[in-house]
C-alpha atoms as a PDB file:
ATOM      1  CA  MET A   1     -21.389  29.839  21.640  1.00  0.00           C
ATOM      2  CA  ARG A   2     -17.859  29.514  20.895  1.00  0.00           C
ATOM      3  CA  VAL A   3     -17.031  28.123  17.297  1.00  0.00           C
ATOM      4  CA  ARG A   4     -14.086  25.475  17.506  1.00  0.00           C
ATOM      5  CA  ARG A   5     -11.687  26.796  14.936  1.00  0.00           C
ATOM      6  CA  ALA A   6      -9.460  24.587  12.548  1.00  0.00           C
ATOM      7  CA  PRO A   7      -6.601  23.490  13.019  1.00  0.00           C
ATOM      8  CA  PRO A   8      -3.344  24.525  11.235  1.00  0.00           C
ATOM      9  CA  ARG A   9      -3.316  22.788   7.635  1.00  0.00           C
ATOM     10  CA  TRP A  10       0.188  21.532   8.484  1.00  0.00           C
ATOM     11  CA  GLN A  11      -1.064  19.486  11.556  1.00  0.00           C
ATOM     12  CA  ALA A  12      -3.183  17.559   9.936  1.00  0.00           C
ATOM     13  CA  ASP A  13      -0.126  16.607   7.100  1.00  0.00           C
ATOM     14  CA  LEU A  14       1.783  16.223   9.716  1.00  0.00           C
ATOM     15  CA  SER A  15      -1.191  13.915  10.979  1.00  0.00           C
ATOM     16  CA  LEU A  16      -1.134  11.853   7.491  1.00  0.00           C
ATOM     17  CA  ALA A  17       2.905  11.449   7.630  1.00  0.00           C
ATOM     18  CA  ILE A  18       2.948   9.735  11.470  1.00  0.00           C
ATOM     19  CA  VAL A  19      -0.490   7.337   9.201  1.00  0.00           C
ATOM     20  CA  ALA A  20       2.698   7.043   6.795  1.00  0.00           C
ATOM     21  CA  LEU A  21       5.156   6.385   9.645  1.00  0.00           C
ATOM     22  CA  ILE A  22       3.187   3.788  11.074  1.00  0.00           C
ATOM     23  CA  TRP A  23       1.984   2.001   8.116  1.00  0.00           C
ATOM     24  CA  GLY A  24       5.841   1.779   7.066  1.00  0.00           C
ATOM     25  CA  ALA A  25       7.367   0.645  10.032  1.00  0.00           C
ATOM     26  CA  THR A  26       4.525  -2.375  10.327  1.00  0.00           C
ATOM     27  CA  PHE A  27       5.059  -3.390   6.959  1.00  0.00           C
ATOM     28  CA  VAL A  28       7.837  -5.724   7.900  1.00  0.00           C
ATOM     29  CA  VAL A  29       5.534  -7.511  10.551  1.00  0.00           C
ATOM     30  CA  VAL A  30       2.224  -7.933   8.330  1.00  0.00           C
ATOM     31  CA  LYS A  31       5.029  -9.255   6.148  1.00  0.00           C
ATOM     32  CA  ARG A  32       5.827 -12.265   8.724  1.00  0.00           C
ATOM     33  CA  ALA A  33       2.785 -12.412  10.605  1.00  0.00           C
ATOM     34  CA  LEU A  34       0.995 -13.445   7.001  1.00  0.00           C
ATOM     35  CA  ALA A  35       3.433 -16.770   6.824  1.00  0.00           C
ATOM     36  CA  ASP A  36       1.495 -17.537   9.924  1.00  0.00           C
ATOM     37  CA  PHE A  37      -1.913 -16.843   8.921  1.00  0.00           C
ATOM     38  CA  SER A  38      -4.056 -16.719   5.865  1.00  0.00           C
ATOM     39  CA  ALA A  39      -4.529 -13.112   4.394  1.00  0.00           C
ATOM     40  CA  VAL A  40      -8.519 -13.032   4.525  1.00  0.00           C
ATOM     41  CA  TYR A  41      -8.694 -14.517   8.249  1.00  0.00           C
ATOM     42  CA  PHE A  42      -5.236 -11.932   9.336  1.00  0.00           C
ATOM     43  CA  LEU A  43      -7.786  -9.191   7.903  1.00  0.00           C
ATOM     44  CA  VAL A  44     -11.074 -10.460   9.778  1.00  0.00           C
ATOM     45  CA  LEU A  45      -9.016 -10.136  13.004  1.00  0.00           C
ATOM     46  CA  ARG A  46      -7.394  -6.815  12.305  1.00  0.00           C
ATOM     47  CA  PHE A  47     -10.259  -5.345  11.426  1.00  0.00           C
ATOM     48  CA  SER A  48     -12.579  -6.603  14.088  1.00  0.00           C
ATOM     49  CA  ILE A  49     -10.160  -5.930  17.387  1.00  0.00           C
ATOM     50  CA  ALA A  50      -9.665  -2.523  15.473  1.00  0.00           C
ATOM     51  CA  SER A  51     -13.756  -1.919  15.237  1.00  0.00           C
ATOM     52  CA  LEU A  52     -13.474  -2.632  19.013  1.00  0.00           C
ATOM     53  CA  CYS A  53     -10.862  -0.110  20.181  1.00  0.00           C
ATOM     54  CA  MET A  54     -12.695   2.603  17.527  1.00  0.00           C
ATOM     55  CA  LEU A  55     -15.717   1.897  19.663  1.00  0.00           C
ATOM     56  CA  LEU A  56     -13.723   2.193  22.682  1.00  0.00           C
ATOM     57  CA  ILE A  57     -11.762   5.458  21.932  1.00  0.00           C
ATOM     58  CA  PHE A  58     -14.859   7.171  20.150  1.00  0.00           C
ATOM     59  CA  TRP A  59     -17.256   5.737  23.028  1.00  0.00           C
ATOM     60  CA  LYS A  60     -18.243   9.332  24.192  1.00  0.00           C
ATOM     61  CA  PRO A  61     -18.293  11.635  21.273  1.00  0.00           C
ATOM     62  CA  LEU A  62     -20.500   8.816  19.465  1.00  0.00           C
ATOM     63  CA  PHE A  63     -22.421   8.553  22.355  1.00  0.00           C
ATOM     64  CA  GLU A  64     -23.182  12.546  23.105  1.00  0.00           C
ATOM     65  CA  SER A  65     -23.707  13.048  19.714  1.00  0.00           C
ATOM     66  CA  GLU A  66     -27.586  12.959  17.990  1.00  0.00           C
ATOM     67  CA  ARG A  67     -28.619   9.268  16.770  1.00  0.00           C
ATOM     68  CA  ARG A  68     -29.384  11.198  13.250  1.00  0.00           C
ATOM     69  CA  ALA A  69     -25.960  12.736  12.952  1.00  0.00           C
ATOM     70  CA  VAL A  70     -24.086   9.278  13.758  1.00  0.00           C
ATOM     71  CA  ARG A  71     -26.198   7.510  11.849  1.00  0.00           C
ATOM     72  CA  ARG A  72     -25.060   9.564   8.801  1.00  0.00           C
ATOM     73  CA  GLY A  73     -21.618   9.072   9.611  1.00  0.00           C
ATOM     74  CA  LEU A  74     -21.519   5.631  10.015  1.00  0.00           C
ATOM     75  CA  TRP A  75     -23.299   4.778   6.514  1.00  0.00           C
ATOM     76  CA  GLY A  76     -20.422   7.186   4.754  1.00  0.00           C
ATOM     77  CA  GLY A  77     -17.505   5.714   6.995  1.00  0.00           C
ATOM     78  CA  ALA A  78     -18.926   2.371   5.743  1.00  0.00           C
ATOM     79  CA  LEU A  79     -19.292   3.761   1.788  1.00  0.00           C
ATOM     80  CA  ALA A  80     -15.504   4.098   2.060  1.00  0.00           C
ATOM     81  CA  GLY A  81     -14.730   1.337   3.839  1.00  0.00           C
ATOM     82  CA  LEU A  82     -16.039  -0.942   0.994  1.00  0.00           C
ATOM     83  CA  PHE A  83     -13.738   0.430  -0.791  1.00  0.00           C
ATOM     84  CA  LEU A  84     -11.018   0.133   1.814  1.00  0.00           C
ATOM     85  CA  TRP A  85     -11.641  -3.679   2.291  1.00  0.00           C
ATOM     86  CA  LEU A  86     -11.715  -3.933  -2.060  1.00  0.00           C
ATOM     87  CA  GLY A  87      -8.336  -2.264  -2.239  1.00  0.00           C
ATOM     88  CA  TYR A  88      -6.950  -5.073   0.055  1.00  0.00           C
ATOM     89  CA  MET A  89      -9.191  -7.760  -1.231  1.00  0.00           C
ATOM     90  CA  LEU A  90      -7.979  -7.208  -4.922  1.00  0.00           C
ATOM     91  CA  GLN A  91      -4.291  -6.025  -3.754  1.00  0.00           C
ATOM     92  CA  THR A  92      -3.951  -9.638  -1.305  1.00  0.00           C
ATOM     93  CA  PHE A  93      -5.323 -11.633  -4.136  1.00  0.00           C
ATOM     94  CA  GLY A  94      -3.086 -10.285  -6.740  1.00  0.00           C
ATOM     95  CA  LEU A  95      -0.392 -11.119  -5.193  1.00  0.00           C
ATOM     96  CA  LYS A  96      -0.524 -14.511  -5.828  1.00  0.00           C
ATOM     97  CA  TYR A  97       0.101 -13.909  -9.840  1.00  0.00           C
ATOM     98  CA  THR A  98       2.096 -11.193  -9.550  1.00  0.00           C
ATOM     99  CA  SER A  99       6.004  -9.880  -7.601  1.00  0.00           C
ATOM    100  CA  ALA A 100       5.837  -7.457  -4.800  1.00  0.00           C
ATOM    101  CA  ALA A 101       7.769  -5.058  -6.526  1.00  0.00           C
ATOM    102  CA  ASN A 102       4.952  -5.113  -9.287  1.00  0.00           C
ATOM    103  CA  SER A 103       2.387  -5.071  -6.498  1.00  0.00           C
ATOM    104  CA  GLY A 104       3.733  -2.075  -4.614  1.00  0.00           C
ATOM    105  CA  PHE A 105       4.429  -0.403  -7.730  1.00  0.00           C
ATOM    106  CA  LEU A 106       1.542  -0.479  -8.928  1.00  0.00           C
ATOM    107  CA  THR A 107      -0.374  -0.193  -6.159  1.00  0.00           C
ATOM    108  CA  GLY A 108       1.326   3.516  -6.089  1.00  0.00           C
ATOM    109  CA  LEU A 109      -0.826   4.468  -8.847  1.00  0.00           C
ATOM    110  CA  TYR A 110      -3.822   5.670  -6.219  1.00  0.00           C
ATOM    111  CA  ILE A 111      -0.864   8.847  -5.997  1.00  0.00           C
ATOM    112  CA  VAL A 112      -1.350   9.830  -9.350  1.00  0.00           C
ATOM    113  CA  LEU A 113      -5.179   9.195 -10.335  1.00  0.00           C
ATOM    114  CA  VAL A 114      -6.892  10.906  -6.683  1.00  0.00           C
ATOM    115  CA  PRO A 115      -5.991  14.332  -8.418  1.00  0.00           C
ATOM    116  CA  LEU A 116      -7.442  12.745 -11.788  1.00  0.00           C
ATOM    117  CA  ILE A 117     -10.454  11.181 -10.407  1.00  0.00           C
ATOM    118  CA  SER A 118     -11.044  14.825  -7.873  1.00  0.00           C
ATOM    119  CA  ALA A 119     -10.745  16.664 -10.981  1.00  0.00           C
ATOM    120  CA  SER A 120     -13.211  14.544 -12.759  1.00  0.00           C
ATOM    121  CA  LEU A 121     -15.888  14.534 -10.463  1.00  0.00           C
ATOM    122  CA  TYR A 122     -15.399  18.492  -8.505  1.00  0.00           C
ATOM    123  CA  ARG A 123     -14.383  19.939 -11.795  1.00  0.00           C
ATOM    124  CA  ARG A 124     -11.825  21.709 -10.120  1.00  0.00           C
ATOM    125  CA  TRP A 125      -7.746  20.449 -10.625  1.00  0.00           C
ATOM    126  CA  PRO A 126      -5.135  20.412  -7.932  1.00  0.00           C
ATOM    127  CA  GLN A 127      -2.705  23.686  -8.176  1.00  0.00           C
ATOM    128  CA  LEU A 128       0.013  24.082 -10.413  1.00  0.00           C
ATOM    129  CA  ARG A 129       2.794  23.148  -7.151  1.00  0.00           C
ATOM    130  CA  GLU A 130       0.420  20.094  -6.669  1.00  0.00           C
ATOM    131  CA  LEU A 131       0.886  18.512  -9.626  1.00  0.00           C
ATOM    132  CA  ALA A 132       4.697  19.062  -9.971  1.00  0.00           C
ATOM    133  CA  GLY A 133       5.124  17.619  -6.251  1.00  0.00           C
ATOM    134  CA  ILE A 134       3.169  14.123  -7.351  1.00  0.00           C
ATOM    135  CA  ALA A 135       4.907  14.206 -10.337  1.00  0.00           C
ATOM    136  CA  ILE A 136       8.375  14.368  -8.797  1.00  0.00           C
ATOM    137  CA  ALA A 137       6.910  11.861  -5.935  1.00  0.00           C
ATOM    138  CA  SER A 138       5.307   9.343  -8.192  1.00  0.00           C
ATOM    139  CA  ALA A 139       8.925   9.510 -10.167  1.00  0.00           C
ATOM    140  CA  GLY A 140      10.714   8.798  -6.865  1.00  0.00           C
ATOM    141  CA  MET A 141       8.172   5.747  -6.314  1.00  0.00           C
ATOM    142  CA  VAL A 142       9.522   4.306  -9.961  1.00  0.00           C
ATOM    143  CA  VAL A 143      12.849   4.603  -9.354  1.00  0.00           C
ATOM    144  CA  MET A 144      12.629   3.045  -5.745  1.00  0.00           C
ATOM    145  CA  THR A 145      10.505   0.271  -7.241  1.00  0.00           C
ATOM    146  CA  LEU A 146      12.627  -0.319 -10.499  1.00  0.00           C
ATOM    147  CA  PRO A 147      15.374  -2.294  -9.673  1.00  0.00           C
ATOM    148  CA  ASP A 148      13.356  -5.052  -8.334  1.00  0.00           C
ATOM    149  CA  ILE A 149      10.807  -5.208 -11.009  1.00  0.00           C
ATOM    150  CA  ASP A 150      10.421  -8.241 -13.209  1.00  0.00           C
ATOM    151  CA  ARG A 151      12.388  -7.365 -16.265  1.00  0.00           C
ATOM    152  CA  HIS A 152       9.930  -9.413 -18.275  1.00  0.00           C
ATOM    153  CA  PHE A 153       7.498  -7.106 -17.524  1.00  0.00           C
ATOM    154  CA  HIS A 154       3.615  -7.478 -18.644  1.00  0.00           C
ATOM    155  CA  ILE A 155       0.422  -7.111 -17.528  1.00  0.00           C
ATOM    156  CA  ASN A 156      -1.394 -10.311 -16.028  1.00  0.00           C
ATOM    157  CA  ARG A 157      -3.923 -11.032 -14.219  1.00  0.00           C
ATOM    158  CA  GLY A 158      -2.518 -10.706 -11.171  1.00  0.00           C
ATOM    159  CA  ASP A 159      -1.033  -6.959 -11.757  1.00  0.00           C
ATOM    160  CA  LEU A 160      -4.787  -6.111 -13.856  1.00  0.00           C
ATOM    161  CA  LEU A 161      -6.207  -6.923 -10.227  1.00  0.00           C
ATOM    162  CA  THR A 162      -3.543  -4.641  -8.444  1.00  0.00           C
ATOM    163  CA  ILE A 163      -4.402  -1.600 -10.682  1.00  0.00           C
ATOM    164  CA  GLY A 164      -8.036  -2.521  -9.437  1.00  0.00           C
ATOM    165  CA  CYS A 165      -6.742  -2.307  -6.172  1.00  0.00           C
ATOM    166  CA  ALA A 166      -5.037   1.234  -7.057  1.00  0.00           C
ATOM    167  CA  ILE A 167      -8.697   2.412  -8.413  1.00  0.00           C
ATOM    168  CA  ALA A 168     -10.379   1.388  -5.104  1.00  0.00           C
ATOM    169  CA  PHE A 169      -7.898   3.177  -2.573  1.00  0.00           C
ATOM    170  CA  ALA A 170      -8.584   6.284  -4.487  1.00  0.00           C
ATOM    171  CA  PHE A 171     -11.773   6.429  -4.400  1.00  0.00           C
ATOM    172  CA  GLN A 172     -11.224   6.056  -0.690  1.00  0.00           C
ATOM    173  CA  LEU A 173      -9.367   8.314   0.145  1.00  0.00           C
ATOM    174  CA  LEU A 174     -11.812  10.349  -2.008  1.00  0.00           C
ATOM    175  CA  LEU A 175     -14.860   9.160   0.170  1.00  0.00           C
ATOM    176  CA  LEU A 176     -12.947   9.669   3.657  1.00  0.00           C
ATOM    177  CA  GLY A 177     -12.347  13.549   2.554  1.00  0.00           C
ATOM    178  CA  PHE A 178     -15.814  13.930   0.847  1.00  0.00           C
ATOM    179  CA  TYR A 179     -17.539  12.242   4.516  1.00  0.00           C
ATOM    180  CA  SER A 180     -15.303  13.466   7.573  1.00  0.00           C
ATOM    181  CA  GLN A 181     -15.446  17.161   5.781  1.00  0.00           C
ATOM    182  CA  ARG A 182     -19.176  16.605   6.594  1.00  0.00           C
ATOM    183  CA  GLU A 183     -20.489  14.139   9.217  1.00  0.00           C
ATOM    184  CA  LEU A 184     -19.254  13.242  12.298  1.00  0.00           C
ATOM    185  CA  PHE A 185     -15.626  11.723  11.673  1.00  0.00           C
ATOM    186  CA  GLN A 186     -15.749   9.950  14.979  1.00  0.00           C
ATOM    187  CA  ALA A 187     -18.591   8.083  13.198  1.00  0.00           C
ATOM    188  CA  VAL A 188     -17.494   8.100   9.514  1.00  0.00           C
ATOM    189  CA  ALA A 189     -14.116   6.809  10.935  1.00  0.00           C
ATOM    190  CA  LEU A 190     -15.721   3.557  13.142  1.00  0.00           C
ATOM    191  CA  GLY A 191     -17.996   3.121   9.973  1.00  0.00           C
ATOM    192  CA  GLN A 192     -15.345   2.467   7.884  1.00  0.00           C
ATOM    193  CA  ILE A 193     -13.148   0.128   9.892  1.00  0.00           C
ATOM    194  CA  ALA A 194     -16.587  -2.110  10.785  1.00  0.00           C
ATOM    195  CA  CYS A 195     -17.218  -2.381   7.218  1.00  0.00           C
ATOM    196  CA  ALA A 196     -13.970  -4.252   6.293  1.00  0.00           C
ATOM    197  CA  ALA A 197     -14.584  -6.408   9.648  1.00  0.00           C
ATOM    198  CA  LEU A 198     -18.033  -7.443   8.126  1.00  0.00           C
ATOM    199  CA  LEU A 199     -16.833  -7.741   4.684  1.00  0.00           C
ATOM    200  CA  SER A 200     -13.702  -9.739   5.232  1.00  0.00           C
ATOM    201  CA  GLY A 201     -15.844 -11.877   6.984  1.00  0.00           C
ATOM    202  CA  CYS A 202     -18.094 -12.965   4.660  1.00  0.00           C
ATOM    203  CA  ALA A 203     -15.018 -13.210   2.135  1.00  0.00           C
ATOM    204  CA  LEU A 204     -13.757 -16.141   4.233  1.00  0.00           C
ATOM    205  CA  PHE A 205     -15.052 -18.278   1.838  1.00  0.00           C
ATOM    206  CA  ALA A 206     -12.639 -17.073  -0.365  1.00  0.00           C
ATOM    207  CA  GLU A 207     -10.541 -18.598   1.704  1.00  0.00           C
ATOM    208  CA  PRO A 208      -9.902 -21.257   3.957  1.00  0.00           C
ATOM    209  CA  PRO A 209      -8.985 -19.522   8.132  1.00  0.00           C
ATOM    210  CA  ARG A 210      -5.759 -20.752   9.170  1.00  0.00           C
ATOM    211  CA  ALA A 211      -3.670 -19.820  11.580  1.00  0.00           C
ATOM    212  CA  VAL A 212      -0.270 -20.694  13.342  1.00  0.00           C
ATOM    213  CA  TRP A 213      -0.682 -18.932  17.078  1.00  0.00           C
ATOM    214  CA  SER A 214       2.397 -17.871  18.667  1.00  0.00           C
ATOM    215  CA  GLY A 215       3.576 -15.101  20.520  1.00  0.00           C
ATOM    216  CA  TYR A 216       5.271 -13.684  17.517  1.00  0.00           C
ATOM    217  CA  ALA A 217       1.697 -13.735  16.114  1.00  0.00           C
ATOM    218  CA  ILE A 218      -0.239 -12.554  18.661  1.00  0.00           C
ATOM    219  CA  PHE A 219       1.681  -9.186  18.494  1.00  0.00           C
ATOM    220  CA  ALA A 220       1.600  -8.842  15.262  1.00  0.00           C
ATOM    221  CA  ILE A 221      -2.327  -8.973  15.396  1.00  0.00           C
ATOM    222  CA  VAL A 222      -2.516  -6.392  17.959  1.00  0.00           C
ATOM    223  CA  LEU A 223       0.110  -4.289  16.978  1.00  0.00           C
ATOM    224  CA  THR A 224      -1.742  -3.607  13.356  1.00  0.00           C
ATOM    225  CA  ALA A 225      -5.158  -3.850  15.140  1.00  0.00           C
ATOM    226  CA  VAL A 226      -4.537  -1.065  17.456  1.00  0.00           C
ATOM    227  CA  PHE A 227      -1.799   0.848  15.982  1.00  0.00           C
ATOM    228  CA  ALA A 228      -1.859   0.431  12.060  1.00  0.00           C
ATOM    229  CA  THR A 229      -5.674   0.185  12.229  1.00  0.00           C
ATOM    230  CA  ALA A 230      -7.158   1.805  14.680  1.00  0.00           C
ATOM    231  CA  LEU A 231      -5.445   4.255  15.902  1.00  0.00           C
ATOM    232  CA  ALA A 232      -3.393   5.058  11.822  1.00  0.00           C
ATOM    233  CA  PHE A 233      -7.557   5.559  10.296  1.00  0.00           C
ATOM    234  CA  ALA A 234      -8.664   7.448  13.151  1.00  0.00           C
ATOM    235  CA  LEU A 235      -5.917   9.942  12.874  1.00  0.00           C
ATOM    236  CA  GLN A 236      -6.248   9.687   8.915  1.00  0.00           C
ATOM    237  CA  THR A 237     -10.205  10.596   8.940  1.00  0.00           C
ATOM    238  CA  TRP A 238      -9.321  13.661  11.510  1.00  0.00           C
ATOM    239  CA  ALA A 239      -6.620  14.854   9.085  1.00  0.00           C
ATOM    240  CA  GLN A 240      -8.860  14.419   6.155  1.00  0.00           C
ATOM    241  CA  LYS A 241     -11.298  16.514   7.431  1.00  0.00           C
ATOM    242  CA  TYR A 242      -8.499  19.528   7.126  1.00  0.00           C
ATOM    243  CA  THR A 243      -6.914  19.132   3.941  1.00  0.00           C
ATOM    244  CA  THR A 244      -7.567  17.553   0.592  1.00  0.00           C
ATOM    245  CA  ALA A 245      -7.461  13.893  -0.390  1.00  0.00           C
ATOM    246  CA  THR A 246      -4.649  15.230  -3.130  1.00  0.00           C
ATOM    247  CA  ARG A 247      -2.702  16.244  -0.764  1.00  0.00           C
ATOM    248  CA  THR A 248      -3.077  13.083   1.626  1.00  0.00           C
ATOM    249  CA  ALA A 249      -2.179  11.028  -1.908  1.00  0.00           C
ATOM    250  CA  LEU A 250       0.776  13.061  -1.429  1.00  0.00           C
ATOM    251  CA  ILE A 251       1.931  12.415   1.351  1.00  0.00           C
ATOM    252  CA  PHE A 252       0.729   8.894   1.743  1.00  0.00           C
ATOM    253  CA  ALA A 253       3.985   7.924  -0.481  1.00  0.00           C
ATOM    254  CA  LEU A 254       6.145   8.143   2.144  1.00  0.00           C
ATOM    255  CA  GLU A 255       5.041   4.944   3.262  1.00  0.00           C
ATOM    256  CA  PRO A 256       7.336   3.090   1.317  1.00  0.00           C
ATOM    257  CA  VAL A 257      10.042   5.372   2.570  1.00  0.00           C
ATOM    258  CA  PHE A 258       9.592   3.907   5.687  1.00  0.00           C
ATOM    259  CA  ALA A 259       8.706   0.756   4.570  1.00  0.00           C
ATOM    260  CA  LEU A 260      12.332   0.334   3.101  1.00  0.00           C
ATOM    261  CA  VAL A 261      14.085   2.529   6.188  1.00  0.00           C
ATOM    262  CA  THR A 262      12.970   0.003   8.255  1.00  0.00           C
ATOM    263  CA  ALA A 263      13.813  -3.303   6.604  1.00  0.00           C
ATOM    264  CA  ILE A 264      17.425  -1.678   6.096  1.00  0.00           C
ATOM    265  CA  SER A 265      17.208  -0.998  10.533  1.00  0.00           C
ATOM    266  CA  ALA A 266      15.922  -4.548  10.934  1.00  0.00           C
ATOM    267  CA  GLY A 267      19.276  -5.474   8.591  1.00  0.00           C
ATOM    268  CA  SER A 268      16.616  -7.849   5.735  1.00  0.00           C
ATOM    269  CA  GLU A 269      17.360  -4.881   2.943  1.00  0.00           C
ATOM    270  CA  PRO A 270      20.252  -3.216   1.449  1.00  0.00           C
ATOM    271  CA  LEU A 271      20.329   0.173   1.377  1.00  0.00           C
ATOM    272  CA  THR A 272      21.081   1.009  -2.972  1.00  0.00           C
ATOM    273  CA  ALA A 273      21.578   3.649  -4.782  1.00  0.00           C
ATOM    274  CA  ALA A 274      18.101   3.468  -6.106  1.00  0.00           C
ATOM    275  CA  ALA A 275      16.332   3.366  -2.695  1.00  0.00           C
ATOM    276  CA  VAL A 276      18.275   6.866  -1.760  1.00  0.00           C
ATOM    277  CA  ALA A 277      17.288   8.591  -5.033  1.00  0.00           C
ATOM    278  CA  GLY A 278      13.673   7.279  -4.675  1.00  0.00           C
ATOM    279  CA  GLY A 279      13.498   8.611  -1.141  1.00  0.00           C
ATOM    280  CA  ALA A 280      14.954  12.277  -2.097  1.00  0.00           C
ATOM    281  CA  LEU A 281      12.832  12.305  -4.903  1.00  0.00           C
ATOM    282  CA  ILE A 282       9.890  11.379  -3.423  1.00  0.00           C
ATOM    283  CA  LEU A 283      10.466  13.997   0.595  1.00  0.00           C
ATOM    284  CA  THR A 284      11.289  16.535  -2.580  1.00  0.00           C
ATOM    285  CA  GLY A 285       7.683  16.106  -4.069  1.00  0.00           C
ATOM    286  CA  ILE A 286       6.087  16.556  -0.795  1.00  0.00           C
ATOM    287  CA  LEU A 287       8.151  19.308   0.678  1.00  0.00           C
ATOM    288  CA  MET A 288       7.284  21.237  -2.951  1.00  0.00           C
ATOM    289  CA  VAL A 289       3.857  21.563  -1.444  1.00  0.00           C
ATOM    290  CA  GLU A 290       4.207  21.847   2.276  1.00  0.00           C
ATOM    291  CA  LEU A 291       6.861  24.443   2.144  1.00  0.00           C
ATOM    292  CA  LYS A 292       4.356  26.591   0.485  1.00  0.00           C
ATOM    293  CA  PRO A 293       0.923  25.468   1.132  1.00  0.00           C
ATOM    294  CA  GLY A 294      -1.627  26.416  -1.161  1.00  0.00           C
ATOM    295  CA  ALA A 295      -5.435  27.286  -1.050  1.00  0.00           C
ATOM    296  CA  GLN A 296      -7.715  24.396  -0.034  1.00  0.00           C
ATOM    297  CA  LEU A 297      -8.893  22.594  -3.106  1.00  0.00           C
END
């Protein structure tokens, strides 16, 4: 029987960088689409269509695998999906009471929280090189968002909700890494998105559904559901099978860089010294780890 070898770690890390690119590049699309859709209804459509896409993509491996293995993967993915949905909901409702800059800054705390929570759960700290990379990348995110952060920044309920969002995303990364390395990753990926779709549907009572249908609205739904959800989360689940949650969080620090590059290219954001300096720090932190990868945690 031939044993399938694990791919080089750089392939997993590159896949995560592609995920960050997809999310960053579609940020402008999502922001504009939320003017036509209520947030929860948008999540229902996004995750429901993505679930169907994943089912079509992974139909063969799911059908050919043992039923018990599929069920274990689905349940593991559903647990990660609970925190994924919780993160999106807390971030969405937090934005009602805080600024977009504050939200982006506080959501980015998950990059720091992942290694801390991982160390407390598994009693193993990331390598010094990884901790240094995280510190530098986090400093870059601060530099990028600092010019736009409310000068009278104080913790309000929106900020508290967004901090909860960061905690939820941190646990989602850790759980996804845990189950993708132990269960059928296709089932884990499908379980996560299907759970988020189901919970979003149950949350419709919290916000009345609203939609203004147009060609752009349909384009936004299809783009975010197929590419930014089905493809992106499938890639993330596969990649986390071969890399650590700490490195995943660090690579995802690229998302605001890609979002800013896209916004500048579209002419909706100016190129500033803070953006250049922050982006350079984020890239430096990631390269510090990637140019000399350590042993897997």
